Amino acid sequence: MEAPYTGILPYQAIREMLNNGEIRSLLVPIDADQLQPASIDLRLGDYAYPVDTSFLPGRGVRVLDKMQQLDADFDRFKIDIRGGAVLERGRVYVVPLLESIKLKSDVAAFANPKSSTGRLDILTRLIADQATHFDEVDDGYEGQLYIEIAPRSFSVVVKTGTRLNQLRFRRRTGMTPKQIASAEWQQLLEAGHVVDTSEQPRLGGRPGMLPFTVDLKGNAQNNTLIGWRAKQNTPRIDLERRDYDPLDFWEPMRFHKEAALTLVPDEFYILMTKEAIAVPPQYAAEMVPYDTRAGEFRVHYAGFFDPGFGWAADRGKAGSSRGVLEVRSHEVPFLLEHGQIVGWLRYERMAEVPQALYGQEIKSNYQGQSLKLAKQFRAPG
C-alpha cells in the first residue's frame, strides 16, 4: 500500500474520519452537506455564554474551567439558542460546538470563519481545551471544540446548528510532495491556472504566493459599484434568512475619477480583487495577513479557498471569480488606490485531489462571484 502524502486532507479523507469516529457529534447527526472539498462546517450547540473578555485556556486548562475562573456565575447567564437568539453587536460569546474530534498523532486541525461569516463582520475563533492559540488544534487532540463569536457591525440571530466556521486538517507525516518550485509556479501563472492571464506579467510573487490587488474602478456589469460600507445602527440579521435588502444595512460605494478610497478607522468595507483568481484541484489556498509595514489595515476575515474555487474545469484555468475582501483600517485613515497590492494568496498542495470540488460537485454560494455580499442579502435591484 502506498504511503499517504502530507498536506491538507481532502473531502474523501474527511468522510473517512467521520466513519472512523475521529469527527463525531453525539446529539445531532452530521449532515452530508457539512463536508466541503477540504474542510468540514462546524455547528453551534445549544447555549451561548456571554463573556467579558476573549481568552485562551492555556496548557492543562479546559475551556469551561477557564470560564469558571473568569466568572463563577457564567453558567447561570447562558443563553438558550435552540429556538434562535440574538447575539448583540459589540459583545463576546463562547459557544460549545456540536462536533468534537479525536485526531490521530499525525494530524492537526486549523479553523477559519466561513465566507458569509466574514462578510457579515462576525469575528469567530476556534478554541480547544488547553489551547495556547486560536484556530489551531494540535495533532492527537481529543475533546470538545468551542467557538468565540464577536459580532462587529451587526447584531445577529443564531440557533443550534448555525454554521459560522469550518475546520480543515493537515497530515504532518508521510510522503512529502515536492514544494512548488519557481518553474512550476511560473507555468501555473502563464497558463492562467491561478489568475487570469491578463494580470500574470505583473503578478509574479514568490513560488506559491500570489499577490492580489484591489479593484476601485468596477465595470459595466456592476454599474461602477466598487464596494459596500456597513451602516451604523441597523436592524439585527437572522442568519437563516436570504432576502434582506442590502440598502438597509450597507452604503454602496461607486467609482469616482480618483479611483481611490480613504478607509475610515474601524468602519467595515466589502471590496473585491481586480484579478480573477482560481485554486486548481490539487491545491488549497489561504489569504496571508497584509504586511503592516505598508499600512495598518486588515483585508480578510474568512481567508480559506477550497480546491476548485474559481476553477473553470472545462478550460482548465481561472474563470471569472474575484476574491471578495473584508476590509477594516485601524488607528488612522488609510488611502487605498486602484490596483494597489493588498494581500497574498498562499497556495499549498493537497494530500490528494478531492473527489468533490468547490462549485462543481457541491453547492457553493460564491463560485463565479464578483462584488458579492453574504448570502443573507438579495441581489441589489
Protein backbone atom coordinates (compact mmCIF):
# COMPACT_ATOMS: atom_id res chain seq x y z
CA MET A 1 0.00 0.00 0.00
CA GLU A 2 1.37 3.41 -0.96
CA ALA A 3 2.27 5.63 1.97
CA PRO A 4 -0.03 8.63 2.48
CA TYR A 5 1.07 12.11 1.49
CA THR A 6 1.38 15.06 3.81
CA GLY A 7 -0.77 18.13 3.20
CA ILE A 8 -4.37 19.27 3.52
CA LEU A 9 -6.78 16.35 3.75
CA PRO A 10 -9.47 16.20 1.04
CA TYR A 11 -13.19 15.52 1.08
CA GLN A 12 -12.82 11.73 0.95
CA ALA A 13 -10.34 11.64 3.84
CA ILE A 14 -12.65 13.79 5.99
CA ARG A 15 -15.52 11.44 5.18
CA GLU A 16 -13.34 8.55 6.35
CA MET A 17 -12.60 10.45 9.58
CA LEU A 18 -16.36 10.65 10.16
CA ASN A 19 -16.76 6.92 9.56
CA ASN A 20 -13.90 6.17 11.98
CA GLY A 21 -15.26 8.37 14.76
CA GLU A 22 -12.41 10.88 14.52
CA ILE A 23 -15.07 13.56 13.98
CA ARG A 24 -18.26 12.98 15.89
CA SER A 25 -21.49 14.59 17.03
CA LEU A 26 -23.20 12.71 19.84
CA LEU A 27 -26.54 14.52 19.90
CA VAL A 28 -27.24 15.58 16.30
CA PRO A 29 -26.09 13.53 13.29
CA ILE A 30 -23.62 15.24 10.97
CA ASP A 31 -25.22 16.46 7.75
CA ALA A 32 -23.73 15.38 4.44
CA ASP A 33 -23.54 18.98 3.21
CA GLN A 34 -21.23 19.94 6.07
CA LEU A 35 -18.40 18.36 4.09
CA GLN A 36 -16.51 20.71 1.78
CA PRO A 37 -13.67 19.83 -0.64
CA ALA A 38 -11.02 20.40 2.06
CA SER A 39 -12.92 21.20 5.26
CA ILE A 40 -15.99 20.47 7.35
CA ASP A 41 -18.51 23.05 8.56
CA LEU A 42 -18.93 23.22 12.34
CA ARG A 43 -22.30 23.84 14.01
CA LEU A 44 -23.30 25.81 17.09
CA GLY A 45 -24.53 23.86 20.10
CA ASP A 46 -27.47 24.71 22.35
CA TYR A 47 -26.12 27.52 24.54
CA ALA A 48 -24.13 30.72 24.15
CA TYR A 49 -22.16 32.08 27.09
CA PRO A 50 -21.66 35.87 27.24
CA VAL A 51 -18.11 36.64 28.40
CA ASP A 52 -16.44 39.89 29.35
CA THR A 53 -13.17 39.15 27.63
CA SER A 54 -11.62 36.99 24.97
CA PHE A 55 -9.31 34.33 26.39
CA LEU A 56 -7.26 31.22 25.77
CA PRO A 57 -7.41 28.42 28.37
CA GLY A 58 -3.69 27.58 28.32
CA ARG A 59 -1.87 24.34 28.98
CA GLY A 60 -3.67 21.97 31.35
CA VAL A 61 -6.88 24.05 31.49
CA ARG A 62 -10.23 23.23 29.92
CA VAL A 63 -12.30 25.98 28.30
CA LEU A 64 -15.21 25.63 30.75
CA ASP A 65 -12.83 25.66 33.72
CA LYS A 66 -11.27 28.89 32.44
CA MET A 67 -14.71 30.44 32.09
CA GLN A 68 -15.45 29.40 35.68
CA GLN A 69 -12.26 31.13 36.82
CA LEU A 70 -13.21 34.32 35.00
CA ASP A 71 -16.85 34.34 36.17
CA ALA A 72 -18.16 31.99 38.84
CA ASP A 73 -21.73 32.60 37.62
CA PHE A 74 -21.04 32.07 33.90
CA ASP A 75 -23.39 29.09 33.62
CA ARG A 76 -26.25 30.99 35.26
CA PHE A 77 -26.44 33.55 32.46
CA LYS A 78 -26.09 31.28 29.44
CA ILE A 79 -28.40 31.97 26.50
CA ASP A 80 -30.56 29.16 25.12
CA ILE A 81 -30.21 29.38 21.33
CA ARG A 82 -32.15 26.22 20.44
CA GLY A 83 -35.09 28.27 19.18
CA GLY A 84 -32.98 31.20 17.99
CA ALA A 85 -31.46 34.06 19.98
CA VAL A 86 -29.76 37.39 19.37
CA LEU A 87 -26.02 37.83 19.76
CA GLU A 88 -25.52 41.55 20.26
CA ARG A 89 -23.05 43.66 18.33
CA GLY A 90 -20.06 44.60 20.46
CA ARG A 91 -20.38 41.60 22.82
CA VAL A 92 -18.27 38.44 23.01
CA TYR A 93 -19.77 34.95 23.35
CA VAL A 94 -18.41 31.45 23.70
CA VAL A 95 -20.50 28.59 22.27
CA PRO A 96 -19.74 24.85 22.55
CA LEU A 97 -19.90 23.26 19.11
CA LEU A 98 -21.89 20.14 18.27
CA GLU A 99 -18.80 18.45 16.84
CA SER A 100 -15.91 17.00 18.82
CA ILE A 101 -12.74 15.43 17.43
CA LYS A 102 -10.26 12.67 18.15
CA LEU A 103 -7.23 13.34 15.99
CA LYS A 104 -4.53 10.87 15.10
CA SER A 105 -0.99 11.61 16.21
CA ASP A 106 -0.01 12.81 12.74
CA VAL A 107 -2.99 15.08 12.03
CA ALA A 108 -3.51 18.67 13.22
CA ALA A 109 -6.53 20.89 12.60
CA PHE A 110 -6.99 24.54 11.64
CA ALA A 111 -10.16 26.65 11.61
CA ASN A 112 -11.34 29.74 9.80
CA PRO A 113 -14.63 31.64 9.50
CA LYS A 114 -16.95 30.68 6.66
CA SER A 115 -17.21 33.17 3.82
CA SER A 116 -20.61 34.53 4.89
CA THR A 117 -19.36 34.97 8.45
CA GLY A 118 -16.51 37.20 7.30
CA ARG A 119 -18.75 39.22 5.01
CA LEU A 120 -21.07 39.94 7.94
CA ASP A 121 -18.13 41.20 10.02
CA ILE A 122 -18.54 38.49 12.64
CA LEU A 123 -15.24 37.70 14.29
CA THR A 124 -15.05 33.99 15.10
CA ARG A 125 -12.19 31.97 16.55
CA LEU A 126 -11.98 28.31 17.43
CA ILE A 127 -10.94 27.38 20.98
CA ALA A 128 -9.93 23.91 22.13
CA ASP A 129 -9.23 22.70 25.66
CA GLN A 130 -5.66 23.53 26.73
CA ALA A 131 -5.19 25.72 23.66
CA THR A 132 -2.48 28.37 23.54
CA HIS A 133 -3.51 29.58 20.06
CA PHE A 134 -6.85 30.38 18.45
CA ASP A 135 -7.97 28.41 15.40
CA GLU A 136 -5.36 25.67 15.85
CA VAL A 137 -5.72 22.17 17.31
CA ASP A 138 -2.61 20.12 18.00
CA ASP A 139 -2.11 16.70 16.49
CA GLY A 140 -3.52 13.92 18.68
CA TYR A 141 -6.10 16.19 20.35
CA GLU A 142 -9.24 14.54 21.69
CA GLY A 143 -12.11 16.56 23.06
CA GLN A 144 -14.71 19.27 22.76
CA LEU A 145 -14.48 22.31 20.48
CA TYR A 146 -15.74 25.83 21.16
CA ILE A 147 -16.19 28.97 19.14
CA GLU A 148 -15.70 32.56 20.24
CA ILE A 149 -18.16 34.88 18.48
CA ALA A 150 -17.93 38.67 18.39
CA PRO A 151 -20.39 40.44 16.04
CA ARG A 152 -18.76 43.71 14.97
CA SER A 153 -21.12 45.59 12.62
CA PHE A 154 -24.48 43.86 13.08
CA SER A 155 -26.34 42.03 15.83
CA VAL A 156 -27.21 38.55 14.54
CA VAL A 157 -29.75 35.83 15.25
CA VAL A 158 -28.27 32.33 15.56
CA LYS A 159 -29.60 28.97 16.65
CA THR A 160 -28.45 25.44 17.30
CA GLY A 161 -26.93 24.16 14.06
CA THR A 162 -25.89 27.56 12.66
CA ARG A 163 -22.58 27.24 10.81
CA LEU A 164 -20.11 30.06 11.33
CA ASN A 165 -16.73 28.40 10.94
CA GLN A 166 -15.09 25.38 9.36
CA LEU A 167 -12.26 23.02 10.21
CA ARG A 168 -9.58 21.67 7.92
CA PHE A 169 -6.99 19.00 8.64
CA ARG A 170 -3.31 18.71 7.75
CA ARG A 171 -1.39 15.42 7.79
CA ARG A 172 2.08 16.17 9.13
CA THR A 173 3.90 12.90 8.40
CA GLY A 174 4.15 10.68 5.35
CA MET A 175 5.48 11.18 1.86
CA THR A 176 6.12 14.87 1.35
CA PRO A 177 5.07 16.20 -2.06
CA LYS A 178 7.61 18.41 -3.76
CA GLN A 179 7.45 22.08 -2.93
CA ILE A 180 6.09 24.48 -5.52
CA ALA A 181 9.24 25.37 -7.44
CA SER A 182 9.84 28.61 -9.34
CA ALA A 183 9.48 26.95 -12.76
CA GLU A 184 6.24 25.22 -11.77
CA TRP A 185 4.81 28.43 -10.31
CA GLN A 186 5.67 30.37 -13.44
CA GLN A 187 3.95 27.72 -15.53
CA LEU A 188 0.81 27.95 -13.37
CA LEU A 189 0.80 31.72 -13.87
CA GLU A 190 1.43 31.65 -17.62
CA ALA A 191 -1.24 29.01 -18.20
CA GLY A 192 -3.81 31.05 -16.26
CA HIS A 193 -4.33 28.29 -13.68
CA VAL A 194 -4.29 30.59 -10.62
CA VAL A 195 -5.02 34.06 -12.03
CA ASP A 196 -6.36 35.43 -15.28
CA THR A 197 -3.51 35.69 -17.77
CA SER A 198 -4.06 39.41 -18.43
CA GLU A 199 -2.73 40.09 -14.94
CA GLN A 200 0.03 37.46 -14.93
CA PRO A 201 3.01 39.56 -16.11
CA ARG A 202 2.61 41.95 -13.19
CA LEU A 203 1.74 39.38 -10.54
CA GLY A 204 4.71 37.13 -10.07
CA GLY A 205 5.38 36.81 -6.37
CA ARG A 206 7.37 34.10 -4.66
CA PRO A 207 6.61 30.48 -5.65
CA GLY A 208 3.21 29.59 -4.22
CA MET A 209 2.49 33.19 -3.20
CA LEU A 210 0.07 35.16 -5.39
CA PRO A 211 -0.20 38.91 -4.73
CA PHE A 212 -3.64 40.36 -5.38
CA THR A 213 -4.81 43.94 -5.83
CA VAL A 214 -7.96 45.92 -5.10
CA ASP A 215 -10.47 46.95 -7.77
CA LEU A 216 -11.68 50.52 -7.26
CA LYS A 217 -12.97 51.10 -10.80
CA GLY A 218 -15.62 48.42 -11.24
CA ASN A 219 -17.15 47.69 -14.62
CA ALA A 220 -20.33 47.97 -16.64
CA GLN A 221 -21.70 44.73 -15.23
CA ASN A 222 -21.99 46.14 -11.72
CA ASN A 223 -22.79 49.71 -12.79
CA THR A 224 -19.44 51.01 -11.46
CA LEU A 225 -20.19 49.71 -7.98
CA ILE A 226 -16.81 49.26 -6.30
CA GLY A 227 -17.75 48.30 -2.77
CA TRP A 228 -20.06 48.43 0.23
CA ARG A 229 -19.64 50.12 3.61
CA ALA A 230 -21.54 48.82 6.63
CA LYS A 231 -24.10 51.25 8.05
CA GLN A 232 -24.38 52.09 11.73
CA ASN A 233 -27.43 51.25 13.89
CA THR A 234 -29.05 48.69 11.60
CA PRO A 235 -31.66 46.02 12.41
CA ARG A 236 -30.43 42.60 13.53
CA ILE A 237 -29.75 39.95 10.90
CA ASP A 238 -31.30 36.50 11.14
CA LEU A 239 -28.67 34.22 9.62
CA GLU A 240 -31.36 31.84 8.34
CA ARG A 241 -32.90 34.47 6.07
CA ARG A 242 -31.87 35.05 2.46
CA ASP A 243 -33.98 38.07 1.49
CA TYR A 244 -32.61 41.15 3.24
CA ASP A 245 -32.44 44.38 1.24
CA PRO A 246 -28.74 45.30 1.18
CA LEU A 247 -29.55 49.02 1.26
CA ASP A 248 -30.96 48.62 4.78
CA PHE A 249 -27.53 47.56 6.01
CA TRP A 250 -24.95 48.78 3.52
CA GLU A 251 -23.98 52.01 1.81
CA PRO A 252 -22.99 51.39 -1.84
CA MET A 253 -19.75 52.98 -2.99
CA ARG A 254 -19.24 53.85 -6.64
CA PHE A 255 -16.31 54.73 -8.85
CA HIS A 256 -15.05 58.27 -8.96
CA LYS A 257 -12.28 59.67 -11.11
CA GLU A 258 -9.55 59.41 -8.46
CA ALA A 259 -10.04 55.61 -8.32
CA ALA A 260 -9.15 55.75 -4.64
CA LEU A 261 -10.83 55.17 -1.31
CA THR A 262 -9.91 56.52 2.12
CA LEU A 263 -10.66 53.90 4.76
CA VAL A 264 -12.19 55.42 7.89
CA PRO A 265 -10.78 53.80 11.04
CA ASP A 266 -12.88 50.90 12.34
CA GLU A 267 -15.51 51.13 9.60
CA PHE A 268 -16.12 47.91 7.69
CA TYR A 269 -15.92 47.60 3.90
CA ILE A 270 -16.61 44.91 1.32
CA LEU A 271 -14.34 45.28 -1.72
CA MET A 272 -13.05 42.89 -4.39
CA THR A 273 -9.84 41.95 -6.13
CA LYS A 274 -9.02 43.33 -9.54
CA GLU A 275 -7.93 39.85 -10.63
CA ALA A 276 -9.99 36.75 -11.30
CA ILE A 277 -8.34 34.08 -9.18
CA ALA A 278 -8.59 30.31 -9.02
CA VAL A 279 -7.50 27.32 -6.96
CA PRO A 280 -6.72 24.25 -9.12
CA PRO A 281 -7.98 20.88 -7.79
CA GLN A 282 -4.63 19.73 -6.39
CA TYR A 283 -4.18 22.87 -4.22
CA ALA A 284 -5.84 24.80 -1.44
CA ALA A 285 -5.16 28.48 -0.77
CA GLU A 286 -5.25 30.82 2.18
CA MET A 287 -5.09 34.60 2.41
CA VAL A 288 -1.98 35.80 4.19
CA PRO A 289 -2.36 38.84 6.50
CA TYR A 290 -1.26 42.08 4.92
CA ASP A 291 2.22 43.33 5.78
CA THR A 292 1.57 46.11 8.31
CA ARG A 293 4.79 47.84 7.33
CA ALA A 294 2.88 49.03 4.26
CA GLY A 295 -0.23 50.22 6.11
CA GLU A 296 -2.26 49.28 9.15
CA PHE A 297 -5.40 47.62 7.81
CA ARG A 298 -6.83 44.13 7.62
CA VAL A 299 -8.01 42.69 4.31
CA HIS A 300 -9.67 39.44 5.26
CA TYR A 301 -11.57 37.63 7.97
CA ALA A 302 -12.54 34.42 6.15
CA GLY A 303 -9.45 33.56 4.18
CA PHE A 304 -9.53 29.89 3.13
CA PHE A 305 -10.17 28.93 -0.50
CA ASP A 306 -11.21 25.34 -1.19
CA PRO A 307 -9.87 23.40 -4.20
CA GLY A 308 -11.92 24.31 -7.26
CA PHE A 309 -12.71 27.90 -6.25
CA GLY A 310 -12.80 29.99 -9.41
CA TRP A 311 -11.66 27.00 -11.47
CA ALA A 312 -13.18 26.69 -14.94
CA ALA A 313 -12.93 22.92 -15.33
CA ASP A 314 -13.92 23.00 -19.00
CA ARG A 315 -10.97 25.27 -19.81
CA GLY A 316 -8.56 24.15 -17.07
CA LYS A 317 -7.82 27.69 -15.92
CA ALA A 318 -9.08 30.62 -13.87
CA GLY A 319 -12.65 31.63 -14.61
CA SER A 320 -14.35 34.85 -13.56
CA SER A 321 -14.34 34.55 -9.75
CA ARG A 322 -12.95 37.55 -7.92
CA GLY A 323 -11.73 37.46 -4.36
CA VAL A 324 -14.01 39.36 -2.01
CA LEU A 325 -12.13 41.45 0.55
CA GLU A 326 -13.40 42.21 4.04
CA VAL A 327 -11.52 45.36 4.98
CA ARG A 328 -11.08 47.40 8.15
CA SER A 329 -8.48 50.10 8.84
CA HIS A 330 -7.09 50.53 12.33
CA GLU A 331 -5.86 53.58 14.24
CA VAL A 332 -5.65 56.07 11.34
CA PRO A 333 -7.33 56.71 7.96
CA PHE A 334 -5.65 54.85 5.10
CA LEU A 335 -5.76 55.61 1.37
CA LEU A 336 -6.31 52.68 -0.98
CA GLU A 337 -5.75 53.19 -4.70
CA HIS A 338 -6.95 51.12 -7.64
CA GLY A 339 -4.51 48.31 -8.43
CA GLN A 340 -2.71 48.54 -5.10
CA ILE A 341 -1.46 45.23 -3.73
CA VAL A 342 -3.45 44.49 -0.57
CA GLY A 343 -2.61 40.87 0.21
CA TRP A 344 -1.40 37.47 -0.91
CA LEU A 345 -2.83 34.04 -1.52
CA ARG A 346 -0.59 31.24 -0.27
CA TYR A 347 -1.07 28.00 -2.22
CA GLU A 348 -0.48 24.62 -0.58
CA ARG A 349 -0.66 21.15 -2.04
CA MET A 350 -3.47 18.84 -1.08
CA ALA A 351 -2.59 15.40 0.28
CA GLU A 352 -4.86 14.08 -2.51
CA VAL A 353 -7.08 15.66 -5.15
CA PRO A 354 -10.59 15.94 -3.62
CA GLN A 355 -13.39 13.82 -5.03
CA ALA A 356 -15.64 16.89 -4.73
CA LEU A 357 -14.60 20.37 -5.85
CA TYR A 358 -15.89 23.79 -4.89
CA GLY A 359 -18.71 24.95 -7.13
CA GLN A 360 -18.94 21.71 -9.10
CA GLU A 361 -19.80 18.53 -7.21
CA ILE A 362 -21.13 20.51 -4.22
CA LYS A 363 -23.41 23.53 -3.94
CA SER A 364 -21.28 26.64 -3.47
CA ASN A 365 -22.63 30.14 -2.88
CA TYR A 366 -19.70 32.15 -4.15
CA GLN A 367 -18.44 30.44 -7.29
CA GLY A 368 -18.22 32.94 -10.15
CA GLN A 369 -18.63 35.83 -7.74
CA SER A 370 -17.72 39.43 -8.29
CA LEU A 371 -18.63 42.01 -5.63
CA LYS A 372 -20.99 39.77 -3.67
CA LEU A 373 -22.37 40.32 -0.19
CA ALA A 374 -23.17 37.49 2.22
CA LYS A 375 -25.90 35.07 1.18
CA GLN A 376 -28.37 36.67 3.62
CA PHE A 377 -28.81 39.62 1.20
CA ARG A 378 -30.68 39.54 -2.07
CA ALA A 379 -29.00 40.87 -5.19
CA PRO A 380 -29.23 44.67 -5.47
CA GLY A 381 -32.15 45.78 -7.63
